Amino acid sequence: MSLMNASDLTKTLAQILLSRNWTVSLAESCTGGLVCATLTELAGSSEWFERGYITYSNEAKTECLDVPAKLIESHGAVSEQVAMAMAEGARMNSGSNVAISITGVAGPSGGSVEKPVGTVCFGWATENQVLAKTMHFDGDRQTIRQQAVEFALTELIALLRS
């Protein structure tokens, strides 16, 4: 996936955000705040890290991020549609310039034929666009969650550099 570890990714993202005077917000479900923890490990992160929402339940996604309940009912919490709505909700509600969302099945249980363990949907929202991707990671719960953190940061850096 990435040749950079989470610490290097955070430093790179920080440089990009600082150069634009931008802030980032997070909407995390299956990662439970791991991205926020990773980002705030870097001293000075208060200059570019706005806030994080840990919206584990469907109710939290609706209440905190304005994800329509009908969207969750139609597509499931683990879907690109919900990931995009989570990212846009985090960006809009926080006033940040960019937001990341993560929703998935980290395991070891909870998977299905359509969405097996390791299925993670990501969203990235800026003022001009909202994007989503679905990935399928292998490994145990912690490995899947760590891969999700690194993928989310790698993709945001690529988006901001494009």
N, C-alpha and C. Protein backbone atom coordinates (compact mmCIF):
# COMPACT_ATOMS: atom_id res chain seq x y z
N MET A 1 0.84 -1.19 0.00
CA MET A 1 0.00 0.00 0.00
C MET A 1 0.88 1.25 0.00
N SER A 2 1.32 1.65 1.16
CA SER A 2 2.10 2.88 1.28
C SER A 2 3.52 2.53 1.69
N LEU A 3 4.46 3.29 1.16
CA LEU A 3 5.84 3.12 1.59
C LEU A 3 6.12 3.93 2.84
N MET A 4 5.23 4.84 3.19
CA MET A 4 5.39 5.66 4.38
C MET A 4 4.57 5.07 5.52
N ASN A 5 5.11 5.17 6.74
CA ASN A 5 4.33 4.73 7.89
C ASN A 5 3.40 5.86 8.32
N ALA A 6 2.56 5.59 9.29
CA ALA A 6 1.54 6.55 9.71
C ALA A 6 2.16 7.86 10.20
N SER A 7 3.29 7.78 10.86
CA SER A 7 3.96 8.99 11.35
C SER A 7 4.45 9.87 10.20
N ASP A 8 5.06 9.24 9.20
CA ASP A 8 5.52 9.98 8.02
C ASP A 8 4.34 10.57 7.24
N LEU A 9 3.26 9.79 7.13
CA LEU A 9 2.07 10.28 6.44
C LEU A 9 1.50 11.51 7.16
N THR A 10 1.48 11.45 8.48
CA THR A 10 0.96 12.58 9.27
C THR A 10 1.81 13.83 9.03
N LYS A 11 3.12 13.67 9.03
CA LYS A 11 4.01 14.83 8.81
C LYS A 11 3.79 15.43 7.42
N THR A 12 3.63 14.55 6.42
CA THR A 12 3.39 15.02 5.06
C THR A 12 2.06 15.75 4.96
N LEU A 13 1.02 15.16 5.55
CA LEU A 13 -0.29 15.80 5.53
C LEU A 13 -0.25 17.13 6.25
N ALA A 14 0.43 17.19 7.37
CA ALA A 14 0.54 18.43 8.14
C ALA A 14 1.17 19.54 7.29
N GLN A 15 2.23 19.20 6.57
CA GLN A 15 2.90 20.19 5.71
C GLN A 15 1.95 20.73 4.65
N ILE A 16 1.18 19.84 4.02
CA ILE A 16 0.24 20.26 2.97
C ILE A 16 -0.84 21.16 3.57
N LEU A 17 -1.42 20.73 4.68
CA LEU A 17 -2.49 21.52 5.30
C LEU A 17 -1.98 22.88 5.77
N LEU A 18 -0.82 22.91 6.40
CA LEU A 18 -0.25 24.17 6.87
C LEU A 18 0.04 25.12 5.71
N SER A 19 0.51 24.58 4.59
CA SER A 19 0.85 25.42 3.44
C SER A 19 -0.40 26.08 2.86
N ARG A 20 -1.56 25.46 3.08
CA ARG A 20 -2.82 26.01 2.56
C ARG A 20 -3.62 26.74 3.64
N ASN A 21 -3.13 26.66 4.89
CA ASN A 21 -3.87 27.19 6.03
C ASN A 21 -5.23 26.49 6.15
N TRP A 22 -5.22 25.17 5.97
CA TRP A 22 -6.43 24.35 6.02
C TRP A 22 -6.46 23.52 7.30
N THR A 23 -7.67 23.06 7.63
CA THR A 23 -7.84 22.12 8.73
C THR A 23 -8.52 20.85 8.21
N VAL A 24 -8.34 19.78 8.98
CA VAL A 24 -8.94 18.49 8.64
C VAL A 24 -9.79 18.01 9.81
N SER A 25 -10.87 17.33 9.48
CA SER A 25 -11.72 16.67 10.46
C SER A 25 -11.89 15.21 10.05
N LEU A 26 -12.26 14.38 11.02
CA LEU A 26 -12.43 12.96 10.80
C LEU A 26 -13.79 12.49 11.22
N ALA A 27 -14.32 11.52 10.52
CA ALA A 27 -15.51 10.78 10.93
C ALA A 27 -15.13 9.31 10.89
N GLU A 28 -14.94 8.72 12.06
CA GLU A 28 -14.46 7.35 12.14
C GLU A 28 -15.52 6.43 12.73
N SER A 29 -15.62 5.26 12.16
CA SER A 29 -16.47 4.22 12.73
C SER A 29 -15.58 3.04 13.14
N CYS A 30 -15.24 2.16 12.22
CA CYS A 30 -14.51 0.94 12.59
C CYS A 30 -13.11 1.20 13.15
N THR A 31 -12.53 2.35 12.85
CA THR A 31 -11.20 2.67 13.38
C THR A 31 -11.27 3.31 14.77
N GLY A 32 -12.44 3.68 15.22
CA GLY A 32 -12.65 4.10 16.60
C GLY A 32 -11.75 5.21 17.11
N GLY A 33 -11.32 6.10 16.24
CA GLY A 33 -10.48 7.21 16.67
C GLY A 33 -8.99 7.02 16.40
N LEU A 34 -8.63 5.93 15.76
CA LEU A 34 -7.20 5.68 15.49
C LEU A 34 -6.58 6.74 14.59
N VAL A 35 -7.34 7.23 13.61
CA VAL A 35 -6.78 8.27 12.73
C VAL A 35 -6.57 9.55 13.54
N CYS A 36 -7.55 9.90 14.35
CA CYS A 36 -7.40 11.10 15.19
C CYS A 36 -6.19 10.96 16.11
N ALA A 37 -6.04 9.80 16.72
CA ALA A 37 -4.90 9.57 17.61
C ALA A 37 -3.59 9.67 16.85
N THR A 38 -3.56 9.11 15.65
CA THR A 38 -2.35 9.16 14.82
C THR A 38 -1.99 10.60 14.48
N LEU A 39 -2.98 11.37 14.06
CA LEU A 39 -2.73 12.76 13.66
C LEU A 39 -2.29 13.62 14.84
N THR A 40 -2.90 13.41 15.99
CA THR A 40 -2.59 14.27 17.14
C THR A 40 -1.34 13.83 17.90
N GLU A 41 -0.70 12.74 17.47
CA GLU A 41 0.60 12.38 18.03
C GLU A 41 1.67 13.38 17.61
N LEU A 42 1.44 14.08 16.51
CA LEU A 42 2.40 15.05 16.01
C LEU A 42 2.24 16.37 16.76
N ALA A 43 3.32 16.82 17.38
CA ALA A 43 3.28 18.10 18.09
C ALA A 43 2.91 19.21 17.12
N GLY A 44 2.05 20.11 17.56
CA GLY A 44 1.62 21.21 16.72
C GLY A 44 0.40 20.90 15.88
N SER A 45 -0.17 19.71 16.06
CA SER A 45 -1.32 19.31 15.25
C SER A 45 -2.53 20.21 15.48
N SER A 46 -2.56 20.94 16.57
CA SER A 46 -3.71 21.83 16.82
C SER A 46 -3.81 22.94 15.77
N GLU A 47 -2.75 23.16 15.02
CA GLU A 47 -2.77 24.18 13.96
C GLU A 47 -3.57 23.73 12.73
N TRP A 48 -3.74 22.42 12.56
CA TRP A 48 -4.40 21.92 11.35
C TRP A 48 -5.41 20.81 11.60
N PHE A 49 -5.44 20.26 12.80
CA PHE A 49 -6.43 19.23 13.13
C PHE A 49 -7.60 19.91 13.84
N GLU A 50 -8.80 19.83 13.25
CA GLU A 50 -9.97 20.50 13.81
C GLU A 50 -10.69 19.64 14.84
N ARG A 51 -11.15 18.47 14.43
CA ARG A 51 -11.88 17.60 15.35
C ARG A 51 -12.12 16.23 14.72
N GLY A 52 -12.55 15.32 15.57
CA GLY A 52 -12.92 13.99 15.11
C GLY A 52 -14.24 13.57 15.70
N TYR A 53 -15.00 12.87 14.89
CA TYR A 53 -16.25 12.28 15.31
C TYR A 53 -16.08 10.77 15.29
N ILE A 54 -16.34 10.11 16.41
CA ILE A 54 -16.35 8.65 16.41
C ILE A 54 -17.81 8.26 16.43
N THR A 55 -18.30 7.90 15.25
CA THR A 55 -19.72 7.60 15.08
C THR A 55 -19.86 6.10 14.80
N TYR A 56 -19.78 5.34 15.86
CA TYR A 56 -19.80 3.89 15.74
C TYR A 56 -21.19 3.37 15.41
N SER A 57 -22.20 3.93 16.04
CA SER A 57 -23.57 3.46 15.80
C SER A 57 -24.20 4.20 14.62
N ASN A 58 -25.21 3.60 14.05
CA ASN A 58 -25.94 4.26 12.97
C ASN A 58 -26.59 5.55 13.47
N GLU A 59 -27.09 5.53 14.72
CA GLU A 59 -27.70 6.72 15.30
C GLU A 59 -26.69 7.86 15.38
N ALA A 60 -25.47 7.54 15.76
CA ALA A 60 -24.43 8.57 15.85
C ALA A 60 -24.12 9.16 14.48
N LYS A 61 -24.10 8.32 13.47
CA LYS A 61 -23.85 8.82 12.11
C LYS A 61 -24.94 9.82 11.71
N THR A 62 -26.17 9.52 12.07
CA THR A 62 -27.29 10.41 11.74
C THR A 62 -27.27 11.67 12.59
N GLU A 63 -27.09 11.51 13.91
CA GLU A 63 -27.15 12.65 14.83
C GLU A 63 -25.96 13.60 14.70
N CYS A 64 -24.76 13.06 14.58
CA CYS A 64 -23.55 13.89 14.59
C CYS A 64 -23.12 14.36 13.20
N LEU A 65 -23.44 13.57 12.18
CA LEU A 65 -22.92 13.84 10.84
C LEU A 65 -24.01 14.12 9.82
N ASP A 66 -25.26 14.08 10.25
CA ASP A 66 -26.40 14.32 9.36
C ASP A 66 -26.50 13.32 8.22
N VAL A 67 -26.03 12.10 8.46
CA VAL A 67 -26.21 11.05 7.46
C VAL A 67 -27.68 10.63 7.50
N PRO A 68 -28.38 10.72 6.39
CA PRO A 68 -29.79 10.34 6.40
C PRO A 68 -29.98 8.87 6.80
N ALA A 69 -30.89 8.63 7.74
CA ALA A 69 -31.18 7.25 8.16
C ALA A 69 -31.59 6.39 6.98
N LYS A 70 -32.31 6.97 6.04
CA LYS A 70 -32.75 6.22 4.84
C LYS A 70 -31.56 5.75 4.02
N LEU A 71 -30.49 6.55 3.99
CA LEU A 71 -29.29 6.18 3.24
C LEU A 71 -28.65 4.94 3.87
N ILE A 72 -28.59 4.93 5.20
CA ILE A 72 -28.03 3.78 5.92
C ILE A 72 -28.91 2.55 5.69
N GLU A 73 -30.24 2.74 5.77
CA GLU A 73 -31.16 1.63 5.55
C GLU A 73 -31.03 1.07 4.13
N SER A 74 -30.86 1.94 3.16
CA SER A 74 -30.80 1.52 1.76
C SER A 74 -29.50 0.83 1.39
N HIS A 75 -28.37 1.37 1.87
CA HIS A 75 -27.06 0.90 1.42
C HIS A 75 -26.26 0.18 2.49
N GLY A 76 -26.65 0.34 3.75
CA GLY A 76 -25.87 -0.22 4.85
C GLY A 76 -24.84 0.78 5.32
N ALA A 77 -24.48 0.68 6.60
CA ALA A 77 -23.50 1.61 7.17
C ALA A 77 -22.15 1.49 6.47
N VAL A 78 -21.82 0.27 6.04
CA VAL A 78 -20.56 0.04 5.34
C VAL A 78 -20.85 0.13 3.84
N SER A 79 -20.80 1.35 3.33
CA SER A 79 -21.07 1.59 1.90
C SER A 79 -20.40 2.89 1.50
N GLU A 80 -20.11 3.02 0.22
CA GLU A 80 -19.50 4.25 -0.26
C GLU A 80 -20.46 5.42 -0.11
N GLN A 81 -21.75 5.16 -0.26
CA GLN A 81 -22.73 6.24 -0.12
C GLN A 81 -22.70 6.83 1.30
N VAL A 82 -22.66 5.95 2.29
CA VAL A 82 -22.61 6.41 3.68
C VAL A 82 -21.25 7.04 3.99
N ALA A 83 -20.18 6.47 3.46
CA ALA A 83 -18.86 7.07 3.67
C ALA A 83 -18.80 8.49 3.13
N MET A 84 -19.37 8.72 1.96
CA MET A 84 -19.38 10.07 1.39
C MET A 84 -20.21 11.02 2.25
N ALA A 85 -21.37 10.54 2.71
CA ALA A 85 -22.22 11.38 3.56
C ALA A 85 -21.54 11.68 4.89
N MET A 86 -20.82 10.72 5.44
CA MET A 86 -20.08 10.93 6.69
C MET A 86 -19.00 11.99 6.49
N ALA A 87 -18.23 11.89 5.41
CA ALA A 87 -17.15 12.85 5.16
C ALA A 87 -17.71 14.25 4.97
N GLU A 88 -18.77 14.35 4.18
CA GLU A 88 -19.37 15.67 3.94
C GLU A 88 -19.98 16.22 5.23
N GLY A 89 -20.60 15.38 6.03
CA GLY A 89 -21.16 15.81 7.30
C GLY A 89 -20.08 16.30 8.25
N ALA A 90 -18.97 15.59 8.30
CA ALA A 90 -17.86 16.01 9.17
C ALA A 90 -17.29 17.35 8.70
N ARG A 91 -17.13 17.51 7.40
CA ARG A 91 -16.58 18.75 6.87
C ARG A 91 -17.52 19.92 7.15
N MET A 92 -18.78 19.74 6.87
CA MET A 92 -19.75 20.82 7.03
C MET A 92 -19.95 21.18 8.51
N ASN A 93 -20.10 20.18 9.37
CA ASN A 93 -20.39 20.43 10.78
C ASN A 93 -19.20 20.99 11.54
N SER A 94 -18.00 20.71 11.07
CA SER A 94 -16.80 21.18 11.75
C SER A 94 -16.27 22.49 11.19
N GLY A 95 -16.67 22.81 9.96
CA GLY A 95 -16.12 23.99 9.32
C GLY A 95 -14.71 23.78 8.80
N SER A 96 -14.26 22.54 8.76
CA SER A 96 -12.91 22.27 8.24
C SER A 96 -12.92 22.29 6.72
N ASN A 97 -11.73 22.39 6.14
CA ASN A 97 -11.60 22.43 4.69
C ASN A 97 -11.70 21.06 4.05
N VAL A 98 -11.30 20.05 4.80
CA VAL A 98 -11.27 18.70 4.26
C VAL A 98 -11.62 17.73 5.38
N ALA A 99 -12.26 16.63 5.00
CA ALA A 99 -12.61 15.61 5.98
C ALA A 99 -12.41 14.22 5.40
N ILE A 100 -12.13 13.28 6.30
CA ILE A 100 -11.98 11.87 5.97
C ILE A 100 -13.05 11.11 6.74
N SER A 101 -13.62 10.08 6.10
CA SER A 101 -14.49 9.18 6.84
C SER A 101 -14.06 7.74 6.59
N ILE A 102 -14.33 6.91 7.61
CA ILE A 102 -14.00 5.49 7.52
C ILE A 102 -15.15 4.71 8.16
N THR A 103 -15.68 3.74 7.43
CA THR A 103 -16.70 2.85 7.96
C THR A 103 -16.44 1.46 7.39
N GLY A 104 -16.42 0.45 8.24
CA GLY A 104 -16.10 -0.87 7.73
C GLY A 104 -16.35 -1.99 8.71
N VAL A 105 -15.88 -3.16 8.33
CA VAL A 105 -16.01 -4.37 9.14
C VAL A 105 -14.60 -4.83 9.51
N ALA A 106 -14.19 -4.52 10.74
CA ALA A 106 -12.83 -4.85 11.17
C ALA A 106 -12.71 -6.28 11.70
N GLY A 107 -13.84 -6.89 12.04
CA GLY A 107 -13.82 -8.28 12.49
C GLY A 107 -13.54 -8.41 13.98
N PRO A 108 -13.40 -9.61 14.45
CA PRO A 108 -13.38 -10.84 13.66
C PRO A 108 -14.76 -11.31 13.20
N SER A 109 -15.82 -10.74 13.78
CA SER A 109 -17.17 -11.11 13.34
C SER A 109 -17.82 -9.90 12.68
N GLY A 110 -19.05 -10.08 12.24
CA GLY A 110 -19.79 -8.97 11.66
C GLY A 110 -19.79 -8.92 10.15
N GLY A 111 -19.00 -9.76 9.53
CA GLY A 111 -18.94 -9.76 8.08
C GLY A 111 -20.11 -10.52 7.46
N SER A 112 -20.26 -10.35 6.16
CA SER A 112 -21.30 -11.07 5.41
C SER A 112 -20.70 -11.46 4.05
N VAL A 113 -21.47 -12.16 3.26
CA VAL A 113 -21.00 -12.53 1.93
C VAL A 113 -20.73 -11.27 1.11
N GLU A 114 -21.65 -10.31 1.18
CA GLU A 114 -21.51 -9.06 0.41
C GLU A 114 -20.40 -8.17 0.97
N LYS A 115 -20.26 -8.17 2.30
CA LYS A 115 -19.28 -7.30 2.96
C LYS A 115 -18.50 -8.12 3.99
N PRO A 116 -17.51 -8.89 3.50
CA PRO A 116 -16.75 -9.73 4.42
C PRO A 116 -15.86 -8.90 5.36
N VAL A 117 -15.40 -9.53 6.42
CA VAL A 117 -14.46 -8.89 7.32
C VAL A 117 -13.30 -8.34 6.50
N GLY A 118 -12.91 -7.12 6.79
CA GLY A 118 -11.83 -6.46 6.04
C GLY A 118 -12.34 -5.47 5.02
N THR A 119 -13.67 -5.42 4.81
CA THR A 119 -14.27 -4.46 3.89
C THR A 119 -14.32 -3.11 4.60
N VAL A 120 -13.70 -2.11 4.01
CA VAL A 120 -13.69 -0.77 4.60
C VAL A 120 -13.99 0.25 3.50
N CYS A 121 -14.95 1.11 3.78
CA CYS A 121 -15.32 2.19 2.86
C CYS A 121 -14.79 3.51 3.40
N PHE A 122 -14.22 4.28 2.51
CA PHE A 122 -13.60 5.56 2.85
C PHE A 122 -14.28 6.68 2.10
N GLY A 123 -14.33 7.85 2.71
CA GLY A 123 -14.80 9.05 2.04
C GLY A 123 -13.84 10.19 2.31
N TRP A 124 -13.71 11.07 1.31
CA TRP A 124 -12.88 12.28 1.45
C TRP A 124 -13.70 13.43 0.89
N ALA A 125 -13.83 14.48 1.67
CA ALA A 125 -14.64 15.62 1.23
C ALA A 125 -13.80 16.89 1.29
N THR A 126 -13.86 17.65 0.19
CA THR A 126 -13.32 19.00 0.16
C THR A 126 -14.48 19.91 -0.25
N GLU A 127 -14.19 21.18 -0.36
CA GLU A 127 -15.24 22.10 -0.76
C GLU A 127 -15.78 21.76 -2.14
N ASN A 128 -14.93 21.22 -3.00
CA ASN A 128 -15.30 20.99 -4.40
C ASN A 128 -15.68 19.57 -4.76
N GLN A 129 -15.38 18.60 -3.91
CA GLN A 129 -15.66 17.22 -4.29
C GLN A 129 -15.78 16.31 -3.09
N VAL A 130 -16.51 15.23 -3.30
CA VAL A 130 -16.62 14.17 -2.31
C VAL A 130 -16.34 12.86 -3.05
N LEU A 131 -15.37 12.13 -2.58
CA LEU A 131 -14.94 10.89 -3.22
C LEU A 131 -15.08 9.72 -2.25
N ALA A 132 -15.18 8.53 -2.79
CA ALA A 132 -15.23 7.34 -1.95
C ALA A 132 -14.49 6.19 -2.63
N LYS A 133 -13.97 5.30 -1.81
CA LYS A 133 -13.34 4.07 -2.28
C LYS A 133 -13.63 2.98 -1.27
N THR A 134 -13.69 1.76 -1.78
CA THR A 134 -13.84 0.59 -0.92
C THR A 134 -12.59 -0.27 -1.05
N MET A 135 -12.09 -0.69 0.08
CA MET A 135 -10.92 -1.56 0.11
C MET A 135 -11.26 -2.84 0.86
N HIS A 136 -10.48 -3.89 0.56
CA HIS A 136 -10.62 -5.16 1.27
C HIS A 136 -9.26 -5.50 1.84
N PHE A 137 -9.14 -5.40 3.16
CA PHE A 137 -7.88 -5.64 3.85
C PHE A 137 -7.90 -7.03 4.48
N ASP A 138 -6.71 -7.62 4.61
CA ASP A 138 -6.56 -8.91 5.25
C ASP A 138 -5.89 -8.73 6.60
N GLY A 139 -6.09 -9.72 7.46
CA GLY A 139 -5.43 -9.71 8.75
C GLY A 139 -6.42 -9.70 9.89
N ASP A 140 -5.88 -9.57 11.10
CA ASP A 140 -6.74 -9.51 12.28
C ASP A 140 -7.31 -8.10 12.43
N ARG A 141 -8.12 -7.93 13.45
CA ARG A 141 -8.81 -6.66 13.67
C ARG A 141 -7.85 -5.47 13.70
N GLN A 142 -6.78 -5.59 14.48
CA GLN A 142 -5.84 -4.48 14.61
C GLN A 142 -5.12 -4.20 13.29
N THR A 143 -4.76 -5.24 12.56
CA THR A 143 -4.08 -5.06 11.27
C THR A 143 -5.00 -4.36 10.27
N ILE A 144 -6.25 -4.78 10.23
CA ILE A 144 -7.21 -4.14 9.32
C ILE A 144 -7.37 -2.67 9.67
N ARG A 145 -7.51 -2.37 10.95
CA ARG A 145 -7.70 -0.98 11.38
C ARG A 145 -6.46 -0.13 11.05
N GLN A 146 -5.26 -0.69 11.25
CA GLN A 146 -4.05 0.07 10.95
C GLN A 146 -3.90 0.30 9.45
N GLN A 147 -4.23 -0.70 8.65
CA GLN A 147 -4.20 -0.53 7.20
C GLN A 147 -5.18 0.55 6.76
N ALA A 148 -6.33 0.61 7.42
CA ALA A 148 -7.34 1.63 7.10
C ALA A 148 -6.82 3.03 7.40
N VAL A 149 -6.14 3.19 8.52
CA VAL A 149 -5.55 4.49 8.87
C VAL A 149 -4.58 4.94 7.79
N GLU A 150 -3.66 4.06 7.44
CA GLU A 150 -2.63 4.41 6.46
C GLU A 150 -3.22 4.68 5.08
N PHE A 151 -4.21 3.89 4.69
CA PHE A 151 -4.85 4.12 3.39
C PHE A 151 -5.57 5.46 3.36
N ALA A 152 -6.31 5.76 4.41
CA ALA A 152 -7.06 7.02 4.47
C ALA A 152 -6.13 8.23 4.33
N LEU A 153 -5.01 8.19 5.01
CA LEU A 153 -4.05 9.31 4.96
C LEU A 153 -3.34 9.37 3.61
N THR A 154 -2.94 8.21 3.10
CA THR A 154 -2.25 8.16 1.79
C THR A 154 -3.13 8.74 0.70
N GLU A 155 -4.40 8.35 0.69
CA GLU A 155 -5.32 8.83 -0.34
C GLU A 155 -5.62 10.32 -0.20
N LEU A 156 -5.72 10.80 1.04
CA LEU A 156 -5.96 12.25 1.21
C LEU A 156 -4.77 13.04 0.71
N ILE A 157 -3.57 12.60 1.01
CA ILE A 157 -2.37 13.28 0.50
C ILE A 157 -2.38 13.30 -1.01
N ALA A 158 -2.69 12.17 -1.64
CA ALA A 158 -2.73 12.11 -3.10
C ALA A 158 -3.80 13.05 -3.65
N LEU A 159 -4.95 13.11 -3.01
CA LEU A 159 -6.03 14.00 -3.45
C LEU A 159 -5.59 15.47 -3.36
N LEU A 160 -4.95 15.82 -2.27
CA LEU A 160 -4.54 17.22 -2.08
C LEU A 160 -3.40 17.61 -3.01
N ARG A 161 -2.62 16.62 -3.43
CA ARG A 161 -1.50 16.91 -4.35
C ARG A 161 -1.94 16.94 -5.81
N SER A 162 -3.15 16.43 -6.11
CA SER A 162 -3.58 16.34 -7.50
C SER A 162 -4.12 17.67 -8.03
